[in-house]
Amino acid sequence: MGFWYFLILLMGLILFVFGLFMKKRFKLPIRIGLIFTGILFIALSLFMFSPGSAEIIVDVFNLNRS
């Protein structure tokens, strides 16, 4: 699973940097969307890398099948 979290982190960094340093080809809402999506991907991957995140996800989505 760590591979997928690292891939999400890499995609988030690419989107964030691309949104910050892109030329004026795209309009402002598209740039803001790329930056915001990159930040969300980075935050999600860092959260999933942290210890105990699996238990938090189980509690949030009620995945206990007992």
PDB file of N, CA and C in Angstrom:
ATOM      1  N   MET A   1       0.814  -1.195   0.000  1.00  0.00           N
ATOM      2  CA  MET A   1       0.000   0.000   0.000  1.00  0.00           C
ATOM      3  C   MET A   1       0.853   1.252   0.000  1.00  0.00           C
ATOM      4  N   GLY A   2       2.046   1.187   0.576  1.00  0.00           N
ATOM      5  CA  GLY A   2       2.902   2.355   0.632  1.00  0.00           C
ATOM      6  C   GLY A   2       3.261   2.881  -0.750  1.00  0.00           C
ATOM      7  N   PHE A   3       3.339   1.982  -1.734  1.00  0.00           N
ATOM      8  CA  PHE A   3       3.633   2.408  -3.098  1.00  0.00           C
ATOM      9  C   PHE A   3       2.557   3.347  -3.621  1.00  0.00           C
ATOM     10  N   TRP A   4       1.297   3.015  -3.361  1.00  0.00           N
ATOM     11  CA  TRP A   4       0.194   3.843  -3.855  1.00  0.00           C
ATOM     12  C   TRP A   4       0.147   5.185  -3.141  1.00  0.00           C
ATOM     13  N   TYR A   5       0.458   5.208  -1.856  1.00  0.00           N
ATOM     14  CA  TYR A   5       0.490   6.470  -1.127  1.00  0.00           C
ATOM     15  C   TYR A   5       1.622   7.354  -1.643  1.00  0.00           C
ATOM     16  N   PHE A   6       2.761   6.739  -1.951  1.00  0.00           N
ATOM     17  CA  PHE A   6       3.872   7.496  -2.515  1.00  0.00           C
ATOM     18  C   PHE A   6       3.517   8.020  -3.900  1.00  0.00           C
ATOM     19  N   LEU A   7       2.794   7.234  -4.676  1.00  0.00           N
ATOM     20  CA  LEU A   7       2.369   7.673  -6.009  1.00  0.00           C
ATOM     21  C   LEU A   7       1.406   8.854  -5.906  1.00  0.00           C
ATOM     22  N   ILE A   8       0.482   8.824  -4.956  1.00  0.00           N
ATOM     23  CA  ILE A   8      -0.435   9.947  -4.733  1.00  0.00           C
ATOM     24  C   ILE A   8       0.350  11.185  -4.301  1.00  0.00           C
ATOM     25  N   LEU A   9       1.362  11.002  -3.447  1.00  0.00           N
ATOM     26  CA  LEU A   9       2.198  12.122  -3.022  1.00  0.00           C
ATOM     27  C   LEU A   9       2.933  12.725  -4.212  1.00  0.00           C
ATOM     28  N   LEU A  10       3.489  11.903  -5.066  1.00  0.00           N
ATOM     29  CA  LEU A  10       4.200  12.381  -6.240  1.00  0.00           C
ATOM     30  C   LEU A  10       3.256  13.117  -7.193  1.00  0.00           C
ATOM     31  N   MET A  11       2.069  12.584  -7.406  1.00  0.00           N
ATOM     32  CA  MET A  11       1.094  13.254  -8.270  1.00  0.00           C
ATOM     33  C   MET A  11       0.683  14.604  -7.678  1.00  0.00           C
ATOM     34  N   GLY A  12       0.514  14.654  -6.362  1.00  0.00           N
ATOM     35  CA  GLY A  12       0.166  15.909  -5.715  1.00  0.00           C
ATOM     36  C   GLY A  12       1.252  16.945  -5.864  1.00  0.00           C
ATOM     37  N   LEU A  13       2.508  16.536  -5.704  1.00  0.00           N
ATOM     38  CA  LEU A  13       3.611  17.473  -5.877  1.00  0.00           C
ATOM     39  C   LEU A  13       3.694  17.985  -7.310  1.00  0.00           C
ATOM     40  N   ILE A  14       3.483  17.112  -8.265  1.00  0.00           N
ATOM     41  CA  ILE A  14       3.519  17.512  -9.674  1.00  0.00           C
ATOM     42  C   ILE A  14       2.392  18.497  -9.976  1.00  0.00           C
ATOM     43  N   LEU A  15       1.176  18.206  -9.516  1.00  0.00           N
ATOM     44  CA  LEU A  15       0.061  19.113  -9.754  1.00  0.00           C
ATOM     45  C   LEU A  15       0.281  20.462  -9.089  1.00  0.00           C
ATOM     46  N   PHE A  16       0.800  20.454  -7.866  1.00  0.00           N
ATOM     47  CA  PHE A  16       1.031  21.686  -7.132  1.00  0.00           C
ATOM     48  C   PHE A  16       2.074  22.559  -7.838  1.00  0.00           C
ATOM     49  N   VAL A  17       3.187  21.961  -8.219  1.00  0.00           N
ATOM     50  CA  VAL A  17       4.245  22.712  -8.887  1.00  0.00           C
ATOM     51  C   VAL A  17       3.790  23.179 -10.263  1.00  0.00           C
ATOM     52  N   PHE A  18       3.075  22.330 -10.985  1.00  0.00           N
ATOM     53  CA  PHE A  18       2.571  22.701 -12.297  1.00  0.00           C
ATOM     54  C   PHE A  18       1.589  23.865 -12.189  1.00  0.00           C
ATOM     55  N   GLY A  19       0.734  23.841 -11.165  1.00  0.00           N
ATOM     56  CA  GLY A  19      -0.206  24.935 -10.969  1.00  0.00           C
ATOM     57  C   GLY A  19       0.464  26.233 -10.574  1.00  0.00           C
ATOM     58  N   LEU A  20       1.548  26.157  -9.837  1.00  0.00           N
ATOM     59  CA  LEU A  20       2.253  27.373  -9.419  1.00  0.00           C
ATOM     60  C   LEU A  20       3.060  28.009 -10.542  1.00  0.00           C
ATOM     61  N   PHE A  21       3.755  27.181 -11.311  1.00  0.00           N
ATOM     62  CA  PHE A  21       4.722  27.707 -12.273  1.00  0.00           C
ATOM     63  C   PHE A  21       4.282  27.611 -13.719  1.00  0.00           C
ATOM     64  N   MET A  22       3.006  27.393 -13.979  1.00  0.00           N
ATOM     65  CA  MET A  22       2.558  27.293 -15.361  1.00  0.00           C
ATOM     66  C   MET A  22       2.496  28.682 -15.990  1.00  0.00           C
ATOM     67  N   LYS A  23       2.616  28.711 -17.274  1.00  0.00           N
ATOM     68  CA  LYS A  23       2.523  29.968 -18.001  1.00  0.00           C
ATOM     69  C   LYS A  23       1.072  30.437 -18.020  1.00  0.00           C
ATOM     70  N   LYS A  24       0.792  31.500 -18.659  1.00  0.00           N
ATOM     71  CA  LYS A  24      -0.548  32.074 -18.668  1.00  0.00           C
ATOM     72  C   LYS A  24      -1.454  31.407 -19.708  1.00  0.00           C
ATOM     73  N   ARG A  25      -1.186  30.150 -20.004  1.00  0.00           N
ATOM     74  CA  ARG A  25      -2.018  29.455 -20.991  1.00  0.00           C
ATOM     75  C   ARG A  25      -3.408  29.171 -20.455  1.00  0.00           C
ATOM     76  N   PHE A  26      -3.503  28.880 -19.160  1.00  0.00           N
ATOM     77  CA  PHE A  26      -4.773  28.521 -18.568  1.00  0.00           C
ATOM     78  C   PHE A  26      -5.304  29.676 -17.736  1.00  0.00           C
ATOM     79  N   LYS A  27      -6.586  29.673 -17.519  1.00  0.00           N
ATOM     80  CA  LYS A  27      -7.209  30.721 -16.727  1.00  0.00           C
ATOM     81  C   LYS A  27      -6.950  30.491 -15.242  1.00  0.00           C
ATOM     82  N   LEU A  28      -7.218  31.502 -14.456  1.00  0.00           N
ATOM     83  CA  LEU A  28      -6.955  31.467 -13.020  1.00  0.00           C
ATOM     84  C   LEU A  28      -7.710  30.345 -12.302  1.00  0.00           C
ATOM     85  N   PRO A  29      -9.004  30.095 -12.585  1.00  0.00           N
ATOM     86  CA  PRO A  29      -9.688  28.995 -11.860  1.00  0.00           C
ATOM     87  C   PRO A  29      -9.050  27.627 -12.095  1.00  0.00           C
ATOM     88  N   ILE A  30      -8.498  27.405 -13.276  1.00  0.00           N
ATOM     89  CA  ILE A  30      -7.853  26.124 -13.549  1.00  0.00           C
ATOM     90  C   ILE A  30      -6.571  26.017 -12.735  1.00  0.00           C
ATOM     91  N   ARG A  31      -5.818  27.110 -12.641  1.00  0.00           N
ATOM     92  CA  ARG A  31      -4.588  27.099 -11.834  1.00  0.00           C
ATOM     93  C   ARG A  31      -4.914  26.856 -10.366  1.00  0.00           C
ATOM     94  N   ILE A  32      -5.941  27.531  -9.865  1.00  0.00           N
ATOM     95  CA  ILE A  32      -6.336  27.345  -8.462  1.00  0.00           C
ATOM     96  C   ILE A  32      -6.802  25.916  -8.234  1.00  0.00           C
ATOM     97  N   GLY A  33      -7.520  25.344  -9.190  1.00  0.00           N
ATOM     98  CA  GLY A  33      -7.969  23.956  -9.076  1.00  0.00           C
ATOM     99  C   GLY A  33      -6.814  22.976  -9.039  1.00  0.00           C
ATOM    100  N   LEU A  34      -5.806  23.212  -9.869  1.00  0.00           N
ATOM    101  CA  LEU A  34      -4.631  22.333  -9.863  1.00  0.00           C
ATOM    102  C   LEU A  34      -3.885  22.435  -8.540  1.00  0.00           C
ATOM    103  N   ILE A  35      -3.716  23.644  -8.036  1.00  0.00           N
ATOM    104  CA  ILE A  35      -3.011  23.833  -6.765  1.00  0.00           C
ATOM    105  C   ILE A  35      -3.789  23.187  -5.630  1.00  0.00           C
ATOM    106  N   PHE A  36      -5.107  23.396  -5.590  1.00  0.00           N
ATOM    107  CA  PHE A  36      -5.946  22.833  -4.528  1.00  0.00           C
ATOM    108  C   PHE A  36      -5.952  21.304  -4.587  1.00  0.00           C
ATOM    109  N   THR A  37      -6.057  20.737  -5.784  1.00  0.00           N
ATOM    110  CA  THR A  37      -6.033  19.284  -5.932  1.00  0.00           C
ATOM    111  C   THR A  37      -4.679  18.718  -5.506  1.00  0.00           C
ATOM    112  N   GLY A  38      -3.605  19.406  -5.853  1.00  0.00           N
ATOM    113  CA  GLY A  38      -2.276  18.971  -5.435  1.00  0.00           C
ATOM    114  C   GLY A  38      -2.135  18.971  -3.927  1.00  0.00           C
ATOM    115  N   ILE A  39      -2.650  20.025  -3.278  1.00  0.00           N
ATOM    116  CA  ILE A  39      -2.596  20.092  -1.814  1.00  0.00           C
ATOM    117  C   ILE A  39      -3.424  18.970  -1.190  1.00  0.00           C
ATOM    118  N   LEU A  40      -4.589  18.682  -1.763  1.00  0.00           N
ATOM    119  CA  LEU A  40      -5.412  17.585  -1.238  1.00  0.00           C
ATOM    120  C   LEU A  40      -4.708  16.237  -1.377  1.00  0.00           C
ATOM    121  N   PHE A  41      -4.080  15.987  -2.516  1.00  0.00           N
ATOM    122  CA  PHE A  41      -3.354  14.737  -2.723  1.00  0.00           C
ATOM    123  C   PHE A  41      -2.197  14.611  -1.741  1.00  0.00           C
ATOM    124  N   ILE A  42      -1.462  15.698  -1.540  1.00  0.00           N
ATOM    125  CA  ILE A  42      -0.333  15.682  -0.605  1.00  0.00           C
ATOM    126  C   ILE A  42      -0.824  15.413   0.811  1.00  0.00           C
ATOM    127  N   ALA A  43      -1.893  16.091   1.223  1.00  0.00           N
ATOM    128  CA  ALA A  43      -2.421  15.901   2.573  1.00  0.00           C
ATOM    129  C   ALA A  43      -2.935  14.474   2.765  1.00  0.00           C
ATOM    130  N   LEU A  44      -3.629  13.932   1.770  1.00  0.00           N
ATOM    131  CA  LEU A  44      -4.142  12.567   1.870  1.00  0.00           C
ATOM    132  C   LEU A  44      -3.009  11.558   1.990  1.00  0.00           C
ATOM    133  N   SER A  45      -1.986  11.702   1.175  1.00  0.00           N
ATOM    134  CA  SER A  45      -0.895  10.729   1.231  1.00  0.00           C
ATOM    135  C   SER A  45      -0.111  10.835   2.535  1.00  0.00           C
ATOM    136  N   LEU A  46       0.118  12.050   3.030  1.00  0.00           N
ATOM    137  CA  LEU A  46       0.815  12.187   4.308  1.00  0.00           C
ATOM    138  C   LEU A  46      -0.015  11.631   5.454  1.00  0.00           C
ATOM    139  N   PHE A  47      -1.336  11.806   5.383  1.00  0.00           N
ATOM    140  CA  PHE A  47      -2.205  11.218   6.403  1.00  0.00           C
ATOM    141  C   PHE A  47      -2.148   9.697   6.350  1.00  0.00           C
ATOM    142  N   MET A  48      -2.191   9.134   5.167  1.00  0.00           N
ATOM    143  CA  MET A  48      -2.192   7.681   5.043  1.00  0.00           C
ATOM    144  C   MET A  48      -0.833   7.077   5.404  1.00  0.00           C
ATOM    145  N   PHE A  49       0.251   7.835   5.291  1.00  0.00           N
ATOM    146  CA  PHE A  49       1.564   7.358   5.728  1.00  0.00           C
ATOM    147  C   PHE A  49       1.681   7.341   7.248  1.00  0.00           C
ATOM    148  N   SER A  50       0.879   8.114   7.953  1.00  0.00           N
ATOM    149  CA  SER A  50       1.011   8.219   9.411  1.00  0.00           C
ATOM    150  C   SER A  50       0.512   6.933  10.089  1.00  0.00           C
ATOM    151  N   PRO A  51       1.130   6.568  11.211  1.00  0.00           N
ATOM    152  CA  PRO A  51       0.684   5.366  11.915  1.00  0.00           C
ATOM    153  C   PRO A  51      -0.702   5.568  12.516  1.00  0.00           C
ATOM    154  N   GLY A  52      -1.514   4.564  12.438  1.00  0.00           N
ATOM    155  CA  GLY A  52      -2.854   4.625  12.999  1.00  0.00           C
ATOM    156  C   GLY A  52      -3.904   5.150  12.040  1.00  0.00           C
ATOM    157  N   SER A  53      -3.519   5.467  10.814  1.00  0.00           N
ATOM    158  CA  SER A  53      -4.500   6.016   9.870  1.00  0.00           C
ATOM    159  C   SER A  53      -5.527   4.962   9.445  1.00  0.00           C
ATOM    160  N   ALA A  54      -5.128   3.708   9.410  1.00  0.00           N
ATOM    161  CA  ALA A  54      -6.070   2.657   9.015  1.00  0.00           C
ATOM    162  C   ALA A  54      -7.208   2.547  10.020  1.00  0.00           C
ATOM    163  N   GLU A  55      -6.900   2.687  11.302  1.00  0.00           N
ATOM    164  CA  GLU A  55      -7.945   2.620  12.321  1.00  0.00           C
ATOM    165  C   GLU A  55      -8.889   3.814  12.218  1.00  0.00           C
ATOM    166  N   ILE A  56      -8.357   4.973  11.888  1.00  0.00           N
ATOM    167  CA  ILE A  56      -9.202   6.167  11.730  1.00  0.00           C
ATOM    168  C   ILE A  56     -10.146   5.989  10.548  1.00  0.00           C
ATOM    169  N   ILE A  57      -9.659   5.446   9.441  1.00  0.00           N
ATOM    170  CA  ILE A  57     -10.497   5.211   8.265  1.00  0.00           C
ATOM    171  C   ILE A  57     -11.586   4.197   8.587  1.00  0.00           C
ATOM    172  N   VAL A  58     -11.245   3.151   9.338  1.00  0.00           N
ATOM    173  CA  VAL A  58     -12.242   2.147   9.730  1.00  0.00           C
ATOM    174  C   VAL A  58     -13.326   2.785  10.584  1.00  0.00           C
ATOM    175  N   ASP A  59     -12.938   3.661  11.514  1.00  0.00           N
ATOM    176  CA  ASP A  59     -13.922   4.307  12.372  1.00  0.00           C
ATOM    177  C   ASP A  59     -14.792   5.302  11.607  1.00  0.00           C
ATOM    178  N   VAL A  60     -14.212   6.048  10.693  1.00  0.00           N
ATOM    179  CA  VAL A  60     -14.960   7.066   9.956  1.00  0.00           C
ATOM    180  C   VAL A  60     -15.999   6.436   9.036  1.00  0.00           C
ATOM    181  N   PHE A  61     -15.629   5.373   8.348  1.00  0.00           N
ATOM    182  CA  PHE A  61     -16.529   4.755   7.384  1.00  0.00           C
ATOM    183  C   PHE A  61     -17.273   3.548   7.932  1.00  0.00           C
ATOM    184  N   ASN A  62     -17.182   3.301   9.232  1.00  0.00           N
ATOM    185  CA  ASN A  62     -17.881   2.179   9.876  1.00  0.00           C
ATOM    186  C   ASN A  62     -17.638   0.859   9.149  1.00  0.00           C
ATOM    187  N   LEU A  63     -16.382   0.516   8.997  1.00  0.00           N
ATOM    188  CA  LEU A  63     -16.031  -0.701   8.263  1.00  0.00           C
ATOM    189  C   LEU A  63     -15.909  -1.925   9.170  1.00  0.00           C
ATOM    190  N   ASN A  64     -16.271  -1.797  10.431  1.00  0.00           N
ATOM    191  CA  ASN A  64     -16.249  -2.941  11.343  1.00  0.00           C
ATOM    192  C   ASN A  64     -17.410  -3.861  11.004  1.00  0.00           C
ATOM    193  N   ARG A  65     -17.108  -5.033  10.568  1.00  0.00           N
ATOM    194  CA  ARG A  65     -18.167  -5.991  10.187  1.00  0.00           C
ATOM    195  C   ARG A  65     -18.244  -7.073  11.232  1.00  0.00           C
ATOM    196  N   SER A  66     -18.685  -6.692  12.408  1.00  0.00           N
ATOM    197  CA  SER A  66     -18.783  -7.693  13.473  1.00  0.00           C
ATOM    198  C   SER A  66     -20.217  -7.961  13.841  1.00  0.00           C
TER     199      SER A  66
END
